[in-house]
């Protein structure tokens, strides 16, 4: 029997440096970092619109791999693949809140933060990743 999987790929900029927290046993650590995806378009009347979607990316690692969080720096351009989830809850005022989450399976830093701020001779040069 074939297994059907949900794979989402995003390319965007990391919004802040990643943080890593132990969850449960010492073998479970969650590296979390936000990724912004900017979209722009023109409507039928020619008006320009912009929208930013934020994903909370979560990479599960063992304790020996927690050093990977250093790859996820604010301003870096990154490609992330994984399972997309939408978490929803009611806030203290009873209003519905939601958050897009991506459980990371694969990732690649396309351009490090320091490189993002300067002009590159090759804008498609790839940085470090997994």
N, C-alpha and C. Protein backbone atom coordinates (compact mmCIF):
# COMPACT_ATOMS: atom_id res chain seq x y z
N UNK A 1 0.84 -1.18 0.00
CA UNK A 1 0.00 0.00 0.00
C UNK A 1 0.89 1.24 0.00
N UNK A 2 0.57 2.18 -0.85
CA UNK A 2 1.33 3.43 -0.91
C UNK A 2 0.94 4.36 0.22
N UNK A 3 1.94 5.05 0.76
CA UNK A 3 1.67 6.00 1.83
C UNK A 3 1.60 7.40 1.22
N UNK A 4 0.55 8.12 1.53
CA UNK A 4 0.40 9.49 1.05
C UNK A 4 0.89 10.43 2.14
N UNK A 5 1.75 11.36 1.76
CA UNK A 5 2.30 12.28 2.74
C UNK A 5 2.00 13.72 2.34
N UNK A 6 1.98 14.58 3.33
CA UNK A 6 1.76 16.01 3.14
C UNK A 6 3.12 16.70 3.25
N UNK A 7 3.62 17.23 2.14
CA UNK A 7 4.91 17.92 2.16
C UNK A 7 4.69 19.34 1.65
N UNK A 8 5.12 20.29 2.46
CA UNK A 8 5.05 21.70 2.09
C UNK A 8 6.46 22.24 2.02
N UNK A 9 6.74 23.03 0.99
CA UNK A 9 8.04 23.66 0.84
C UNK A 9 7.86 25.16 0.88
N UNK A 10 8.65 25.84 1.72
CA UNK A 10 8.60 27.30 1.78
C UNK A 10 10.01 27.85 1.63
N UNK A 11 10.08 29.05 1.08
CA UNK A 11 11.34 29.79 1.01
C UNK A 11 11.05 31.17 1.57
N UNK A 12 11.80 31.56 2.59
CA UNK A 12 11.56 32.86 3.21
C UNK A 12 12.72 33.26 4.10
N UNK A 13 12.52 34.37 4.80
CA UNK A 13 13.56 34.88 5.70
C UNK A 13 13.23 34.54 7.14
N UNK A 14 14.28 34.18 7.88
CA UNK A 14 14.12 33.86 9.30
C UNK A 14 13.91 35.17 10.06
N UNK A 15 12.88 35.20 10.90
CA UNK A 15 12.49 36.43 11.61
C UNK A 15 13.28 36.72 12.88
N UNK A 16 13.83 35.70 13.51
CA UNK A 16 14.68 35.89 14.69
C UNK A 16 15.53 34.64 14.87
N UNK A 17 16.61 34.78 15.64
CA UNK A 17 17.48 33.63 15.89
C UNK A 17 16.68 32.50 16.53
N UNK A 18 17.03 31.27 16.19
CA UNK A 18 16.33 30.10 16.70
C UNK A 18 16.59 29.92 18.19
N UNK A 19 15.61 29.29 18.85
CA UNK A 19 15.83 28.88 20.22
C UNK A 19 15.62 27.37 20.29
N UNK A 20 16.26 26.76 21.27
CA UNK A 20 16.21 25.31 21.42
C UNK A 20 15.77 24.98 22.83
N UNK A 21 14.74 24.14 22.95
CA UNK A 21 14.25 23.76 24.26
C UNK A 21 14.12 22.25 24.35
N UNK A 22 14.48 21.75 25.53
CA UNK A 22 14.32 20.32 25.80
C UNK A 22 12.85 20.04 26.08
N UNK A 23 12.35 18.98 25.46
CA UNK A 23 10.95 18.59 25.65
C UNK A 23 10.96 17.13 26.10
N UNK A 24 10.57 16.90 27.34
CA UNK A 24 10.56 15.53 27.86
C UNK A 24 11.96 15.04 28.15
N UNK A 25 12.31 13.90 27.54
CA UNK A 25 13.61 13.28 27.81
C UNK A 25 14.74 14.08 27.17
N UNK A 26 15.96 13.73 27.53
CA UNK A 26 17.14 14.44 27.01
C UNK A 26 17.34 14.19 25.52
N UNK A 27 16.62 13.23 24.95
CA UNK A 27 16.77 12.92 23.54
C UNK A 27 15.84 13.73 22.65
N UNK A 28 14.96 14.53 23.25
CA UNK A 28 14.01 15.32 22.48
C UNK A 28 14.24 16.81 22.70
N UNK A 29 14.68 17.48 21.66
CA UNK A 29 14.87 18.93 21.69
C UNK A 29 14.17 19.54 20.49
N UNK A 30 13.51 20.65 20.70
CA UNK A 30 12.82 21.35 19.62
C UNK A 30 13.57 22.64 19.31
N UNK A 31 14.03 22.76 18.07
CA UNK A 31 14.62 24.01 17.60
C UNK A 31 13.51 24.74 16.86
N UNK A 32 13.17 25.94 17.34
CA UNK A 32 12.09 26.72 16.74
C UNK A 32 12.62 28.02 16.18
N UNK A 33 12.07 28.39 15.00
CA UNK A 33 12.44 29.66 14.39
C UNK A 33 11.30 30.10 13.46
N UNK A 34 10.99 31.40 13.42
CA UNK A 34 9.92 31.89 12.55
C UNK A 34 10.46 32.22 11.16
N UNK A 35 9.68 31.91 10.13
CA UNK A 35 10.04 32.22 8.75
C UNK A 35 8.92 33.05 8.13
N UNK A 36 9.31 34.18 7.52
CA UNK A 36 8.35 35.07 6.86
C UNK A 36 8.39 34.84 5.35
N UNK A 37 7.20 34.76 4.77
CA UNK A 37 7.07 34.64 3.32
C UNK A 37 6.28 35.85 2.85
N UNK A 38 6.90 36.66 2.01
CA UNK A 38 6.25 37.87 1.50
C UNK A 38 5.65 37.59 0.13
N UNK A 39 4.39 37.99 -0.03
CA UNK A 39 3.70 37.83 -1.31
C UNK A 39 3.18 39.18 -1.76
N UNK A 40 3.26 39.45 -3.05
CA UNK A 40 2.69 40.68 -3.59
C UNK A 40 1.96 40.34 -4.88
N UNK A 41 0.89 41.08 -5.16
CA UNK A 41 0.09 40.84 -6.35
C UNK A 41 -0.71 42.08 -6.69
N UNK A 42 -1.26 42.09 -7.91
CA UNK A 42 -2.16 43.16 -8.35
C UNK A 42 -3.54 42.56 -8.52
N UNK A 43 -4.54 43.30 -8.04
CA UNK A 43 -5.91 42.82 -8.21
C UNK A 43 -6.43 43.20 -9.60
N UNK A 44 -7.68 42.90 -9.87
CA UNK A 44 -8.28 43.16 -11.18
C UNK A 44 -8.27 44.64 -11.54
N UNK A 45 -8.25 45.52 -10.53
CA UNK A 45 -8.24 46.97 -10.78
C UNK A 45 -6.83 47.54 -10.88
N UNK A 46 -5.82 46.69 -10.77
CA UNK A 46 -4.44 47.14 -10.88
C UNK A 46 -3.84 47.63 -9.57
N UNK A 47 -4.58 47.49 -8.47
CA UNK A 47 -4.06 47.90 -7.16
C UNK A 47 -3.08 46.85 -6.64
N UNK A 48 -1.95 47.34 -6.12
CA UNK A 48 -0.95 46.43 -5.57
C UNK A 48 -1.27 46.06 -4.13
N UNK A 49 -1.04 44.81 -3.81
CA UNK A 49 -1.28 44.30 -2.46
C UNK A 49 -0.05 43.53 -2.01
N UNK A 50 0.19 43.55 -0.71
CA UNK A 50 1.27 42.77 -0.11
C UNK A 50 0.75 42.04 1.11
N UNK A 51 1.29 40.86 1.33
CA UNK A 51 0.90 40.07 2.50
C UNK A 51 2.12 39.30 2.98
N UNK A 52 2.28 39.21 4.29
CA UNK A 52 3.35 38.41 4.87
C UNK A 52 2.72 37.28 5.67
N UNK A 53 3.13 36.05 5.36
CA UNK A 53 2.70 34.88 6.12
C UNK A 53 3.88 34.45 6.99
N UNK A 54 3.57 34.13 8.24
CA UNK A 54 4.60 33.66 9.17
C UNK A 54 4.37 32.19 9.48
N UNK A 55 5.42 31.41 9.39
CA UNK A 55 5.41 30.01 9.80
C UNK A 55 6.32 29.86 11.00
N UNK A 56 5.89 29.10 11.99
CA UNK A 56 6.78 28.69 13.07
C UNK A 56 7.34 27.34 12.66
N UNK A 57 8.62 27.29 12.39
CA UNK A 57 9.27 26.05 11.97
C UNK A 57 9.83 25.34 13.19
N UNK A 58 9.61 24.03 13.26
CA UNK A 58 10.07 23.24 14.39
C UNK A 58 10.88 22.06 13.86
N UNK A 59 12.12 21.99 14.30
CA UNK A 59 13.02 20.90 13.94
C UNK A 59 13.31 20.09 15.20
N UNK A 60 12.95 18.80 15.20
CA UNK A 60 13.19 17.94 16.36
C UNK A 60 14.55 17.27 16.21
N UNK A 61 15.37 17.39 17.25
CA UNK A 61 16.73 16.83 17.22
C UNK A 61 17.05 16.16 18.55
N UNK A 62 18.10 15.35 18.53
CA UNK A 62 18.62 14.77 19.77
C UNK A 62 19.53 15.79 20.44
N UNK A 63 19.93 15.51 21.67
CA UNK A 63 20.77 16.44 22.42
C UNK A 63 22.09 16.71 21.70
N UNK A 64 22.66 15.70 21.06
CA UNK A 64 23.95 15.89 20.38
C UNK A 64 23.84 16.77 19.14
N UNK A 65 22.63 17.03 18.65
CA UNK A 65 22.44 17.86 17.46
C UNK A 65 21.86 19.24 17.75
N UNK A 66 21.83 19.63 19.02
CA UNK A 66 21.28 20.95 19.35
C UNK A 66 22.13 22.09 18.79
N UNK A 67 23.39 21.81 18.44
CA UNK A 67 24.25 22.84 17.83
C UNK A 67 23.70 23.33 16.49
N UNK A 68 22.78 22.57 15.87
CA UNK A 68 22.22 22.96 14.58
C UNK A 68 21.46 24.28 14.65
N UNK A 69 21.03 24.68 15.85
CA UNK A 69 20.29 25.94 15.99
C UNK A 69 21.11 27.13 15.50
N UNK A 70 22.44 27.02 15.49
CA UNK A 70 23.28 28.13 15.06
C UNK A 70 23.13 28.43 13.56
N UNK A 71 22.58 27.50 12.80
CA UNK A 71 22.34 27.73 11.37
C UNK A 71 21.17 28.68 11.13
N UNK A 72 20.26 28.75 12.09
CA UNK A 72 19.02 29.50 11.90
C UNK A 72 19.14 30.89 12.51
N UNK A 73 19.69 31.83 11.73
CA UNK A 73 19.95 33.19 12.20
C UNK A 73 18.98 34.17 11.55
N UNK A 74 18.59 35.17 12.35
CA UNK A 74 17.68 36.21 11.87
C UNK A 74 18.22 36.82 10.57
N UNK A 75 17.34 36.94 9.58
CA UNK A 75 17.69 37.55 8.31
C UNK A 75 18.18 36.59 7.25
N UNK A 76 18.49 35.34 7.63
CA UNK A 76 18.95 34.36 6.65
C UNK A 76 17.80 33.93 5.75
N UNK A 77 18.11 33.68 4.48
CA UNK A 77 17.14 33.14 3.54
C UNK A 77 17.22 31.62 3.62
N UNK A 78 16.07 30.96 3.77
CA UNK A 78 16.07 29.52 4.01
C UNK A 78 14.97 28.84 3.20
N UNK A 79 15.25 27.60 2.81
CA UNK A 79 14.25 26.73 2.20
C UNK A 79 13.96 25.64 3.22
N UNK A 80 12.68 25.42 3.50
CA UNK A 80 12.28 24.44 4.50
C UNK A 80 11.20 23.55 3.91
N UNK A 81 11.34 22.23 4.12
CA UNK A 81 10.32 21.26 3.71
C UNK A 81 9.84 20.52 4.94
N UNK A 82 8.54 20.26 4.98
CA UNK A 82 8.01 19.50 6.09
C UNK A 82 6.50 19.42 6.05
N UNK A 83 5.93 18.97 7.16
CA UNK A 83 4.49 18.83 7.29
C UNK A 83 3.90 20.13 7.85
N UNK A 84 2.95 20.70 7.12
CA UNK A 84 2.31 21.95 7.55
C UNK A 84 1.12 21.65 8.45
N UNK A 85 1.03 22.42 9.53
CA UNK A 85 -0.09 22.30 10.47
C UNK A 85 -0.63 23.69 10.75
N UNK A 86 -1.90 23.76 11.08
CA UNK A 86 -2.49 25.03 11.51
C UNK A 86 -3.03 24.81 12.92
N UNK A 87 -2.39 25.46 13.89
CA UNK A 87 -2.83 25.37 15.28
C UNK A 87 -3.81 26.49 15.56
N UNK A 88 -4.92 26.16 16.19
CA UNK A 88 -5.94 27.17 16.50
C UNK A 88 -6.33 27.07 17.97
N UNK A 89 -6.66 28.22 18.58
CA UNK A 89 -7.06 28.28 19.98
C UNK A 89 -7.85 29.56 20.21
N UNK A 90 -8.52 29.61 21.35
CA UNK A 90 -9.22 30.82 21.76
C UNK A 90 -8.34 31.57 22.75
N UNK A 91 -8.16 32.87 22.52
CA UNK A 91 -7.35 33.67 23.44
C UNK A 91 -8.18 34.03 24.67
N UNK A 92 -7.59 34.81 25.58
CA UNK A 92 -8.28 35.13 26.84
C UNK A 92 -9.54 35.96 26.63
N UNK A 93 -9.65 36.63 25.46
CA UNK A 93 -10.84 37.40 25.13
C UNK A 93 -11.88 36.59 24.35
N UNK A 94 -11.60 35.30 24.16
CA UNK A 94 -12.53 34.43 23.45
C UNK A 94 -12.43 34.53 21.94
N UNK A 95 -11.40 35.20 21.43
CA UNK A 95 -11.22 35.34 19.99
C UNK A 95 -10.38 34.18 19.45
N UNK A 96 -10.74 33.72 18.25
CA UNK A 96 -10.01 32.64 17.62
C UNK A 96 -8.65 33.12 17.13
N UNK A 97 -7.59 32.42 17.51
CA UNK A 97 -6.22 32.71 17.07
C UNK A 97 -5.72 31.48 16.31
N UNK A 98 -4.79 31.70 15.39
CA UNK A 98 -4.22 30.57 14.67
C UNK A 98 -2.76 30.83 14.36
N UNK A 99 -2.04 29.77 14.11
CA UNK A 99 -0.61 29.86 13.82
C UNK A 99 -0.25 28.75 12.85
N UNK A 100 0.49 29.11 11.79
CA UNK A 100 0.99 28.12 10.85
C UNK A 100 2.28 27.53 11.40
N UNK A 101 2.37 26.21 11.38
CA UNK A 101 3.56 25.54 11.87
C UNK A 101 4.05 24.58 10.80
N UNK A 102 5.35 24.46 10.69
CA UNK A 102 5.96 23.53 9.75
C UNK A 102 6.89 22.62 10.53
N UNK A 103 6.60 21.33 10.56
CA UNK A 103 7.48 20.34 11.20
C UNK A 103 8.55 19.97 10.19
N UNK A 104 9.74 20.42 10.46
CA UNK A 104 10.83 20.38 9.48
C UNK A 104 11.36 18.96 9.27
N UNK A 105 11.42 18.56 8.00
CA UNK A 105 12.07 17.31 7.60
C UNK A 105 13.38 17.58 6.87
N UNK A 106 13.40 18.63 6.05
CA UNK A 106 14.59 19.01 5.29
C UNK A 106 14.73 20.53 5.32
N UNK A 107 15.97 21.01 5.26
CA UNK A 107 16.19 22.45 5.22
C UNK A 107 17.52 22.75 4.56
N UNK A 108 17.62 23.96 4.04
CA UNK A 108 18.87 24.43 3.46
C UNK A 108 18.92 25.94 3.59
N UNK A 109 19.98 26.44 4.18
CA UNK A 109 20.20 27.88 4.24
C UNK A 109 20.67 28.31 2.86
N UNK A 110 19.90 29.18 2.21
CA UNK A 110 20.23 29.63 0.86
C UNK A 110 21.18 30.82 0.87
N UNK A 111 21.03 31.66 1.91
CA UNK A 111 21.90 32.82 2.05
C UNK A 111 21.94 33.19 3.53
N UNK A 112 23.14 33.23 4.09
CA UNK A 112 23.30 33.57 5.50
C UNK A 112 22.93 35.03 5.74
N UNK A 113 22.60 35.35 6.98
CA UNK A 113 22.16 36.70 7.35
C UNK A 113 23.17 37.76 6.95
N UNK A 114 24.45 37.55 7.20
CA UNK A 114 25.47 38.53 6.84
C UNK A 114 25.51 38.75 5.34
N UNK A 115 25.28 37.68 4.56
CA UNK A 115 25.28 37.79 3.11
C UNK A 115 24.02 38.48 2.61
N UNK A 116 22.91 38.35 3.34
CA UNK A 116 21.65 38.96 2.94
C UNK A 116 21.77 40.48 2.95
N UNK A 117 22.59 41.03 3.85
CA UNK A 117 22.71 42.47 4.00
C UNK A 117 23.65 43.11 2.98
N UNK A 118 24.44 42.31 2.27
CA UNK A 118 25.39 42.86 1.32
C UNK A 118 25.07 42.35 -0.08
N UNK A 119 25.57 43.04 -1.08
CA UNK A 119 25.36 42.63 -2.46
C UNK A 119 26.31 41.48 -2.78
N UNK A 120 25.78 40.45 -3.37
CA UNK A 120 26.57 39.28 -3.75
C UNK A 120 26.87 39.32 -5.24
N UNK A 121 28.04 38.82 -5.64
CA UNK A 121 28.33 38.71 -7.06
C UNK A 121 27.45 37.63 -7.69
N UNK A 122 27.10 36.62 -6.90
CA UNK A 122 26.19 35.58 -7.36
C UNK A 122 25.02 35.51 -6.38
N UNK A 123 23.87 36.12 -6.69
CA UNK A 123 22.75 36.14 -5.74
C UNK A 123 22.16 34.77 -5.46
N UNK A 124 22.48 33.77 -6.27
CA UNK A 124 21.93 32.43 -6.05
C UNK A 124 22.92 31.51 -5.38
N UNK A 125 24.02 32.06 -4.88
CA UNK A 125 25.02 31.23 -4.20
C UNK A 125 24.39 30.59 -2.97
N UNK A 126 24.65 29.32 -2.78
CA UNK A 126 24.05 28.59 -1.66
C UNK A 126 24.96 28.60 -0.45
N UNK A 127 24.35 28.70 0.74
CA UNK A 127 25.11 28.68 1.99
C UNK A 127 25.09 27.29 2.58
N UNK A 128 25.42 27.20 3.87
CA UNK A 128 25.45 25.93 4.57
C UNK A 128 24.05 25.44 4.86
N UNK A 129 23.88 24.17 5.09
CA UNK A 129 22.60 23.60 5.43
C UNK A 129 22.75 22.13 5.77
N UNK A 130 21.67 21.40 5.70
CA UNK A 130 21.71 19.96 5.94
C UNK A 130 21.63 19.22 4.64
